[in-house]
Amino acid sequence: MNVNTITVKDLEIIRTDGLKALKDKLGIVGMIKFIQMYSNGQGDYTEERAELIKDVTIEDFENWLKTKG
């Protein structure tokens, strides 16, 4: 399967096989609990991120990079 040409059918097979693997490994209750851990979330990530870094300057970012490398 070429990742550049995944079809709807391929995605359905991946979904089906993935659910089967979860059920086989975790049982039906564990599978459901695992799936419930992942949600679409809420809010606006872009807006929240912009608010979080609104006061960060390029110099702040460059200094932060220097501590990482």
N, C-alpha and C. Protein backbone atom coordinates (compact mmCIF):
# COMPACT_ATOMS: atom_id res chain seq x y z
N MET A 1 0.85 -1.18 0.00
CA MET A 1 0.00 0.00 0.00
C MET A 1 0.89 1.24 0.00
N ASN A 2 0.76 2.05 -1.00
CA ASN A 2 1.52 3.30 -1.12
C ASN A 2 0.76 4.39 -0.36
N VAL A 3 1.42 5.05 0.60
CA VAL A 3 0.75 6.06 1.43
C VAL A 3 0.27 7.25 0.61
N ASN A 4 0.82 7.45 -0.57
CA ASN A 4 0.37 8.56 -1.41
C ASN A 4 -0.91 8.24 -2.17
N THR A 5 -1.31 6.96 -2.18
CA THR A 5 -2.50 6.56 -2.93
C THR A 5 -3.45 5.74 -2.08
N ILE A 6 -3.60 6.08 -0.83
CA ILE A 6 -4.53 5.36 0.05
C ILE A 6 -5.96 5.70 -0.39
N THR A 7 -6.75 4.67 -0.61
CA THR A 7 -8.12 4.86 -1.05
C THR A 7 -9.08 4.78 0.14
N VAL A 8 -10.32 5.12 -0.13
CA VAL A 8 -11.35 5.01 0.91
C VAL A 8 -11.44 3.56 1.38
N LYS A 9 -11.33 2.61 0.46
CA LYS A 9 -11.37 1.19 0.82
C LYS A 9 -10.21 0.85 1.75
N ASP A 10 -9.00 1.35 1.42
CA ASP A 10 -7.85 1.11 2.28
C ASP A 10 -8.09 1.66 3.69
N LEU A 11 -8.66 2.86 3.78
CA LEU A 11 -8.93 3.46 5.08
C LEU A 11 -9.95 2.64 5.86
N GLU A 12 -10.92 2.09 5.18
CA GLU A 12 -11.91 1.25 5.84
C GLU A 12 -11.26 -0.03 6.39
N ILE A 13 -10.35 -0.61 5.63
CA ILE A 13 -9.64 -1.80 6.08
C ILE A 13 -8.78 -1.46 7.29
N ILE A 14 -8.08 -0.33 7.24
CA ILE A 14 -7.24 0.10 8.38
C ILE A 14 -8.11 0.29 9.62
N ARG A 15 -9.26 0.95 9.44
CA ARG A 15 -10.16 1.20 10.58
C ARG A 15 -10.66 -0.12 11.16
N THR A 16 -11.12 -1.00 10.29
CA THR A 16 -11.65 -2.30 10.73
C THR A 16 -10.57 -3.12 11.43
N ASP A 17 -9.40 -3.21 10.82
CA ASP A 17 -8.31 -3.98 11.43
C ASP A 17 -7.85 -3.37 12.75
N GLY A 18 -7.86 -2.04 12.81
CA GLY A 18 -7.46 -1.36 14.05
C GLY A 18 -8.43 -1.64 15.18
N LEU A 19 -9.72 -1.57 14.89
CA LEU A 19 -10.72 -1.86 15.91
C LEU A 19 -10.63 -3.31 16.37
N LYS A 20 -10.41 -4.23 15.41
CA LYS A 20 -10.26 -5.64 15.77
C LYS A 20 -9.04 -5.85 16.67
N ALA A 21 -7.93 -5.19 16.34
CA ALA A 21 -6.71 -5.32 17.16
C ALA A 21 -6.95 -4.79 18.57
N LEU A 22 -7.63 -3.65 18.67
CA LEU A 22 -7.94 -3.11 20.00
C LEU A 22 -8.83 -4.07 20.79
N LYS A 23 -9.86 -4.59 20.13
CA LYS A 23 -10.77 -5.51 20.81
C LYS A 23 -10.05 -6.79 21.23
N ASP A 24 -9.22 -7.32 20.35
CA ASP A 24 -8.48 -8.55 20.68
C ASP A 24 -7.53 -8.33 21.85
N LYS A 25 -6.88 -7.19 21.90
CA LYS A 25 -5.87 -6.93 22.93
C LYS A 25 -6.50 -6.45 24.25
N LEU A 26 -7.50 -5.57 24.15
CA LEU A 26 -8.04 -4.92 25.35
C LEU A 26 -9.40 -5.45 25.79
N GLY A 27 -10.04 -6.21 24.95
CA GLY A 27 -11.41 -6.61 25.22
C GLY A 27 -12.34 -5.48 24.81
N ILE A 28 -13.64 -5.78 24.76
CA ILE A 28 -14.59 -4.79 24.27
C ILE A 28 -14.65 -3.55 25.17
N VAL A 29 -14.64 -3.75 26.49
CA VAL A 29 -14.72 -2.61 27.42
C VAL A 29 -13.45 -1.77 27.32
N GLY A 30 -12.30 -2.42 27.29
CA GLY A 30 -11.04 -1.68 27.15
C GLY A 30 -10.96 -0.94 25.85
N MET A 31 -11.45 -1.55 24.77
CA MET A 31 -11.46 -0.88 23.47
C MET A 31 -12.30 0.39 23.53
N ILE A 32 -13.48 0.28 24.11
CA ILE A 32 -14.36 1.45 24.21
C ILE A 32 -13.72 2.53 25.06
N LYS A 33 -13.13 2.16 26.18
CA LYS A 33 -12.49 3.15 27.05
C LYS A 33 -11.33 3.83 26.32
N PHE A 34 -10.54 3.06 25.55
CA PHE A 34 -9.43 3.62 24.78
C PHE A 34 -9.94 4.63 23.76
N ILE A 35 -10.98 4.26 23.03
CA ILE A 35 -11.53 5.15 22.01
C ILE A 35 -12.09 6.42 22.65
N GLN A 36 -12.71 6.29 23.82
CA GLN A 36 -13.28 7.46 24.50
C GLN A 36 -12.21 8.45 24.95
N MET A 37 -10.97 7.98 25.10
CA MET A 37 -9.88 8.87 25.52
C MET A 37 -9.55 9.89 24.44
N TYR A 38 -9.92 9.60 23.20
CA TYR A 38 -9.60 10.47 22.08
C TYR A 38 -10.88 11.12 21.58
N SER A 39 -10.89 12.42 21.59
CA SER A 39 -12.06 13.15 21.12
C SER A 39 -11.62 14.25 20.19
N ASN A 40 -12.57 14.88 19.57
CA ASN A 40 -12.27 15.99 18.68
C ASN A 40 -11.82 17.23 19.44
N GLY A 41 -11.97 17.20 20.74
CA GLY A 41 -11.57 18.35 21.55
C GLY A 41 -12.59 19.47 21.44
N GLN A 42 -12.20 20.59 21.99
CA GLN A 42 -13.08 21.75 21.93
C GLN A 42 -12.24 22.99 21.93
N GLY A 43 -12.83 24.09 21.54
CA GLY A 43 -12.11 25.34 21.49
C GLY A 43 -11.42 25.54 20.15
N ASP A 44 -10.62 26.59 20.09
CA ASP A 44 -9.91 26.97 18.87
C ASP A 44 -8.42 26.97 19.17
N TYR A 45 -7.73 25.90 18.75
CA TYR A 45 -6.31 25.75 19.05
C TYR A 45 -5.51 26.96 18.55
N THR A 46 -5.78 27.41 17.34
CA THR A 46 -5.02 28.51 16.76
C THR A 46 -5.18 29.78 17.59
N GLU A 47 -6.40 30.06 17.98
CA GLU A 47 -6.67 31.26 18.79
C GLU A 47 -6.01 31.14 20.17
N GLU A 48 -6.12 29.97 20.78
CA GLU A 48 -5.53 29.76 22.10
C GLU A 48 -4.01 29.85 22.03
N ARG A 49 -3.42 29.30 20.99
CA ARG A 49 -1.96 29.34 20.82
C ARG A 49 -1.49 30.78 20.61
N ALA A 50 -2.20 31.53 19.80
CA ALA A 50 -1.85 32.94 19.56
C ALA A 50 -1.88 33.73 20.87
N GLU A 51 -2.88 33.47 21.69
CA GLU A 51 -2.98 34.15 22.99
C GLU A 51 -1.81 33.76 23.89
N LEU A 52 -1.46 32.48 23.87
CA LEU A 52 -0.39 31.97 24.72
C LEU A 52 0.96 32.59 24.39
N ILE A 53 1.24 32.82 23.13
CA ILE A 53 2.57 33.31 22.73
C ILE A 53 2.57 34.77 22.27
N LYS A 54 1.50 35.50 22.55
CA LYS A 54 1.38 36.87 22.05
C LYS A 54 2.51 37.79 22.52
N ASP A 55 3.09 37.54 23.68
CA ASP A 55 4.14 38.41 24.21
C ASP A 55 5.55 37.88 23.96
N VAL A 56 5.67 36.78 23.23
CA VAL A 56 6.98 36.19 22.96
C VAL A 56 7.60 36.89 21.76
N THR A 57 8.82 37.36 21.94
CA THR A 57 9.53 38.04 20.85
C THR A 57 10.42 37.05 20.12
N ILE A 58 10.93 37.45 18.98
CA ILE A 58 11.85 36.60 18.24
C ILE A 58 13.12 36.37 19.07
N GLU A 59 13.52 37.36 19.83
CA GLU A 59 14.69 37.22 20.69
C GLU A 59 14.44 36.17 21.78
N ASP A 60 13.25 36.19 22.35
CA ASP A 60 12.88 35.16 23.34
C ASP A 60 12.99 33.78 22.72
N PHE A 61 12.47 33.66 21.52
CA PHE A 61 12.49 32.37 20.84
C PHE A 61 13.93 31.94 20.53
N GLU A 62 14.75 32.86 20.04
CA GLU A 62 16.14 32.54 19.75
C GLU A 62 16.90 32.11 21.02
N ASN A 63 16.66 32.79 22.12
CA ASN A 63 17.28 32.43 23.38
C ASN A 63 16.82 31.05 23.85
N TRP A 64 15.55 30.77 23.68
CA TRP A 64 15.02 29.45 24.04
C TRP A 64 15.70 28.37 23.20
N LEU A 65 15.85 28.64 21.90
CA LEU A 65 16.51 27.67 21.02
C LEU A 65 17.96 27.40 21.47
N LYS A 66 18.64 28.43 21.89
CA LYS A 66 20.03 28.27 22.33
C LYS A 66 20.14 27.35 23.55
N THR A 67 19.12 27.34 24.40
CA THR A 67 19.15 26.46 25.57
C THR A 67 18.85 25.01 25.21
N LYS A 68 18.30 24.78 24.03
CA LYS A 68 17.93 23.42 23.60
C LYS A 68 19.02 22.74 22.79
N GLY A 69 20.02 23.49 22.38
CA GLY A 69 20.92 22.89 21.43
C GLY A 69 22.30 22.70 21.77
